[in-house]
Protein backbone atom coordinates (compact mmCIF):
# COMPACT_ATOMS: atom_id res chain seq x y z
CA MET A 1 -18.69 -0.86 5.52
CA PRO A 2 -15.84 -1.09 3.00
CA ALA A 3 -14.02 -4.39 2.59
CA GLN A 4 -10.75 -4.66 4.47
CA SER A 5 -7.56 -4.79 2.48
CA GLY A 6 -4.82 -7.34 3.09
CA PRO A 7 -4.94 -11.08 3.75
CA SER A 8 -8.29 -12.57 4.61
CA ALA A 9 -8.82 -13.36 8.26
CA SER A 10 -9.99 -16.82 7.21
CA ALA A 11 -6.47 -17.69 6.05
CA GLY A 12 -5.51 -18.51 9.64
CA ARG A 13 -2.52 -17.58 11.70
CA THR A 14 0.01 -19.36 9.48
CA GLY A 15 -1.47 -18.32 6.15
CA ARG A 16 -1.83 -22.02 5.27
CA PRO A 17 -4.99 -24.09 5.30
CA PRO A 18 -4.97 -26.86 7.88
CA VAL A 19 -3.80 -30.19 6.51
CA THR A 20 -5.63 -33.09 8.05
CA SER A 21 -5.62 -35.93 5.53
CA ARG A 22 -3.54 -38.98 6.35
CA ALA A 23 -1.69 -38.71 3.03
CA HIS A 24 -0.57 -35.14 3.75
CA ILE A 25 0.43 -36.04 7.29
CA LEU A 26 2.58 -38.93 6.07
CA LEU A 27 4.17 -36.73 3.41
CA ALA A 28 5.04 -34.07 6.00
CA ALA A 29 6.47 -36.72 8.34
CA ARG A 30 8.63 -38.18 5.58
CA LEU A 31 9.98 -34.74 4.71
CA LEU A 32 10.81 -34.14 8.37
CA ILE A 33 12.63 -37.47 8.61
CA ASP A 34 14.60 -36.80 5.42
CA ARG A 35 15.56 -33.36 6.68
CA ASP A 36 16.22 -33.89 10.39
CA GLY A 37 16.36 -37.65 10.99
CA TRP A 38 13.70 -39.93 12.45
CA GLU A 39 15.06 -39.58 16.00
CA LYS A 40 14.00 -35.91 16.06
CA LEU A 41 10.51 -36.57 14.77
CA THR A 42 7.87 -35.92 17.42
CA MET A 43 4.12 -35.56 17.15
CA ARG A 44 4.36 -31.97 18.40
CA ARG A 45 6.96 -31.04 15.76
CA LEU A 46 4.93 -32.73 13.05
CA ALA A 47 1.75 -30.88 14.04
CA ALA A 48 3.61 -27.57 14.03
CA GLU A 49 5.16 -28.33 10.64
CA ILE A 50 1.79 -28.80 8.95
CA GLY A 51 0.03 -26.06 10.88
CA ILE A 52 -2.48 -28.08 12.87
CA GLY A 53 -3.01 -28.77 16.54
CA ALA A 54 -1.68 -31.93 18.13
CA THR A 55 -5.24 -32.97 18.99
CA THR A 56 -6.19 -32.90 15.32
CA LEU A 57 -3.13 -34.96 14.46
CA TYR A 58 -4.13 -37.66 16.95
CA HIS A 59 -7.40 -38.14 15.06
CA HIS A 60 -5.28 -39.76 12.31
CA ILE A 61 -2.20 -41.12 14.13
CA ARG A 62 -2.17 -42.82 17.54
CA ASP A 63 1.46 -42.14 18.44
CA LYS A 64 4.95 -41.94 16.94
CA ARG A 65 5.26 -45.71 16.58
CA ASP A 66 1.96 -45.87 14.70
CA LEU A 67 3.17 -43.03 12.48
CA LEU A 68 6.41 -44.84 11.64
CA VAL A 69 4.58 -48.09 10.90
CA GLN A 70 2.18 -46.28 8.57
CA LEU A 71 5.15 -44.65 6.84
CA LEU A 72 6.82 -48.03 6.41
CA ASN A 73 3.67 -49.60 5.00
CA GLN A 74 3.42 -46.77 2.51
CA HIS A 75 7.12 -46.99 1.62
CA VAL A 76 7.04 -50.73 0.93
CA ASP A 77 3.72 -50.53 -0.90
CA LEU A 78 5.24 -48.03 -3.35
CA LEU A 79 8.26 -50.18 -4.13
CA GLU A 80 8.39 -51.94 -7.46
CA ARG A 81 8.14 -55.68 -6.95
CA PRO A 82 10.84 -57.66 -8.73
CA ASP A 83 10.00 -60.74 -10.74
CA LEU A 84 10.84 -63.56 -8.35
CA PRO A 85 12.57 -66.68 -9.73
CA GLU A 86 10.69 -69.94 -10.06
CA ASP A 87 13.45 -71.85 -8.24
CA PRO A 88 12.45 -71.79 -4.55
CA ARG A 89 15.99 -71.34 -3.22
CA GLU A 90 16.62 -68.43 -5.57
CA ARG A 91 13.21 -67.00 -4.67
CA VAL A 92 14.22 -66.89 -1.01
CA VAL A 93 17.47 -65.10 -1.86
CA ALA A 94 15.75 -62.61 -4.18
CA ALA A 95 13.00 -61.78 -1.67
CA ALA A 96 15.50 -61.39 1.19
CA THR A 97 17.66 -59.13 -0.98
CA ALA A 98 14.62 -56.99 -1.84
CA MET A 99 13.83 -56.76 1.89
CA HIS A 100 17.42 -55.74 2.61
CA ASP A 101 17.46 -53.08 -0.10
CA ALA A 102 14.11 -51.63 1.01
CA LEU A 103 15.29 -51.25 4.61
CA ALA A 104 18.74 -50.01 3.63
CA ALA A 105 17.06 -47.07 1.89
CA TRP A 106 15.24 -46.27 5.15
CA PRO A 107 17.44 -47.74 7.92
CA TRP A 108 15.28 -46.13 10.62
CA ALA A 109 12.57 -48.60 9.64
CA ALA A 110 14.74 -51.47 10.83
CA GLU A 111 14.81 -49.83 14.26
CA ILE A 112 11.04 -50.14 14.71
CA LEU A 113 10.88 -53.69 13.37
CA THR A 114 13.32 -55.25 15.81
CA THR A 115 10.68 -57.44 17.44
CA ASP A 116 9.80 -61.01 16.51
CA GLY A 117 6.14 -60.10 16.11
CA PHE A 118 6.68 -57.21 13.70
CA VAL A 119 4.63 -58.90 10.95
CA GLY A 120 1.55 -58.07 13.00
CA LEU A 121 2.30 -54.37 12.54
CA LEU A 122 2.38 -54.33 8.75
CA ASP A 123 -0.32 -54.44 6.09
CA GLU A 124 -0.58 -57.53 3.92
CA SER A 125 0.52 -55.47 0.92
CA ALA A 126 3.82 -54.77 2.69
CA LEU A 127 4.41 -58.40 3.65
CA TRP A 128 4.95 -59.92 0.22
CA MET A 129 8.70 -60.31 0.85
CA VAL A 130 8.05 -62.25 4.04
CA ASP A 131 5.49 -64.43 2.30
CA ALA A 132 7.86 -65.09 -0.60
CA ILE A 133 10.57 -66.30 1.78
CA LEU A 134 8.14 -68.59 3.58
CA GLY A 135 6.89 -69.98 0.27
CA GLY A 136 10.40 -70.52 -1.05
CA ALA A 137 11.38 -72.33 2.14
CA VAL A 138 8.37 -74.65 1.83
CA GLY A 139 9.37 -75.26 -1.77
CA CYS A 140 12.80 -76.34 -0.53
CA GLY A 141 11.30 -78.98 1.74
CA CYS A 142 10.49 -77.05 4.91
CA THR A 143 7.31 -77.46 6.85
CA PRO A 144 5.36 -74.22 7.43
CA GLU A 145 6.75 -74.19 10.97
CA GLN A 146 10.31 -74.65 9.74
CA SER A 147 9.83 -71.90 7.17
CA VAL A 148 9.19 -69.45 10.02
CA GLY A 149 12.50 -70.46 11.59
CA VAL A 150 14.25 -69.95 8.25
CA PHE A 151 12.73 -66.51 7.86
CA ARG A 152 13.66 -65.55 11.42
CA ALA A 153 17.32 -66.47 10.85
CA ILE A 154 17.40 -64.49 7.59
CA TRP A 155 15.65 -61.54 9.26
CA TYR A 156 18.12 -61.41 12.14
CA TYR A 157 21.04 -61.50 9.73
CA THR A 158 19.51 -58.83 7.48
CA VAL A 159 18.40 -56.34 10.10
CA GLY A 160 21.68 -56.71 11.98
CA GLU A 161 23.67 -55.89 8.87
CA ILE A 162 21.52 -52.85 8.12
CA LEU A 163 21.69 -51.42 11.63
CA VAL A 164 25.45 -51.85 11.93
CA ARG A 165 26.02 -50.05 8.64
CA ALA A 166 23.50 -47.32 9.47
CA HIS A 167 25.05 -46.62 12.85
CA THR A 168 28.55 -46.68 11.36
CA ALA A 169 27.47 -44.08 8.82
CA LEU A 170 26.46 -41.75 11.66
CA VAL A 171 30.08 -41.41 12.81
CA PRO A 172 31.28 -37.93 11.75
CA LYS A 173 33.70 -38.03 8.83
CA ASP A 174 36.34 -36.14 10.78
CA GLU A 175 36.10 -38.46 13.80
CA GLU A 176 38.42 -41.43 14.01
CA PRO A 177 36.33 -44.61 14.34
CA LEU A 178 36.77 -46.33 17.70
CA PHE A 179 37.36 -49.70 16.05
CA ARG A 180 40.25 -48.53 13.86
CA ARG A 181 43.61 -49.50 15.30
CA GLU A 182 46.96 -50.45 13.85
CA SER A 183 47.83 -53.56 15.86
CA PHE A 184 46.66 -56.12 18.42
CA ASP A 185 48.54 -57.92 21.19
CA ALA A 186 49.48 -61.28 19.65
CA THR A 187 49.90 -62.89 23.07
CA ARG A 188 46.27 -62.17 23.97
CA VAL A 189 44.38 -62.14 20.65
CA PRO A 190 46.63 -63.96 18.17
CA HIS A 191 44.07 -64.28 15.37
CA LEU A 192 43.20 -60.59 15.47
CA ALA A 193 46.91 -59.79 15.47
CA ARG A 194 47.33 -61.63 12.18
CA VAL A 195 44.74 -59.36 10.60
CA GLY A 196 46.15 -56.27 12.27
CA ALA A 197 45.42 -52.93 10.69
CA ARG A 198 43.39 -54.59 7.90
CA TRP A 199 40.50 -55.28 10.30
CA HIS A 200 38.64 -52.09 9.39
CA GLU A 201 39.06 -52.68 5.65
CA LEU A 202 37.95 -56.31 5.86
CA ALA A 203 35.06 -55.68 8.26
CA SER A 204 33.71 -52.84 6.10
CA ARG A 205 33.29 -54.90 2.94
CA ASP A 206 29.77 -55.41 1.61
CA THR A 207 29.38 -59.18 1.77
CA TYR A 208 25.66 -59.34 2.42
CA GLY A 209 24.90 -61.29 -0.76
CA GLU A 210 27.57 -63.92 -0.16
CA GLY A 211 26.60 -64.28 3.48
CA LEU A 212 22.91 -64.57 2.63
CA GLY A 213 23.56 -67.35 0.13
CA ALA A 214 25.71 -69.28 2.62
CA LEU A 215 23.09 -68.84 5.37
CA VAL A 216 20.23 -70.02 3.16
CA ASP A 217 22.18 -73.08 1.99
CA GLY A 218 23.14 -73.94 5.55
CA LEU A 219 19.56 -73.65 6.81
CA PHE A 220 18.18 -75.86 4.06
CA ALA A 221 20.96 -78.38 4.60
CA GLN A 222 19.93 -78.62 8.26
CA VAL A 223 16.33 -79.20 7.25
CA ALA A 224 17.31 -81.89 4.74
CA ALA A 225 19.44 -83.65 7.36
CA GLY A 226 16.78 -83.36 10.07
CA LYS A 227 19.26 -81.61 12.36
CA GLY A 228 19.27 -78.47 14.42
CA PRO A 229 16.33 -76.26 15.41
CA PHE A 230 14.87 -76.48 11.90
CA GLY A 231 14.88 -80.26 11.65
CA GLY A 232 12.22 -82.77 12.61
């Protein structure tokens, strides 16, 4: 019987070989996120994108949260580690800044890490920034327990700043922001009235670095004085 012409039947319905390795799945997921946003990423869409069945996909990924955590581990693991300063205070600031910059590049990652126990989700290779902050805090006189409190305060400040900026960026360019107004009632909010129409300009400034430095100094001052939740 003569050979059939045309595409081989073994090529499959899509003409593409099935992709089942974890690396290829993560690559496809990252491309989907970059193209459509992480909110629209579903396991069904991902399976369809790479031409495999959802059942096959679940052999490698438990669910969407597991997928996002694996993507984050991969993302952080590929980042170039900066040379951290010897000075423990400066090491804390440098590590926190690296953490901020890594999440700012992928703000959706901050969304899945908004739990106090998020360190249990990540690989050790992706936790070097956390460890550097803890070590710097100990070097500044904190106990290991106090260093966790210092990290938690820095983390809340950092992830809050990232999420506010990320959500603000989602406002369409042609849509007037809800928080932009020309004046405030001085009889009810006198301090806001003094700022007036400059509120949007002042609130939009990038002051993360200055705020981080002030926060770190304040936390270590509390530890040194034996005051507050980080003292004693």
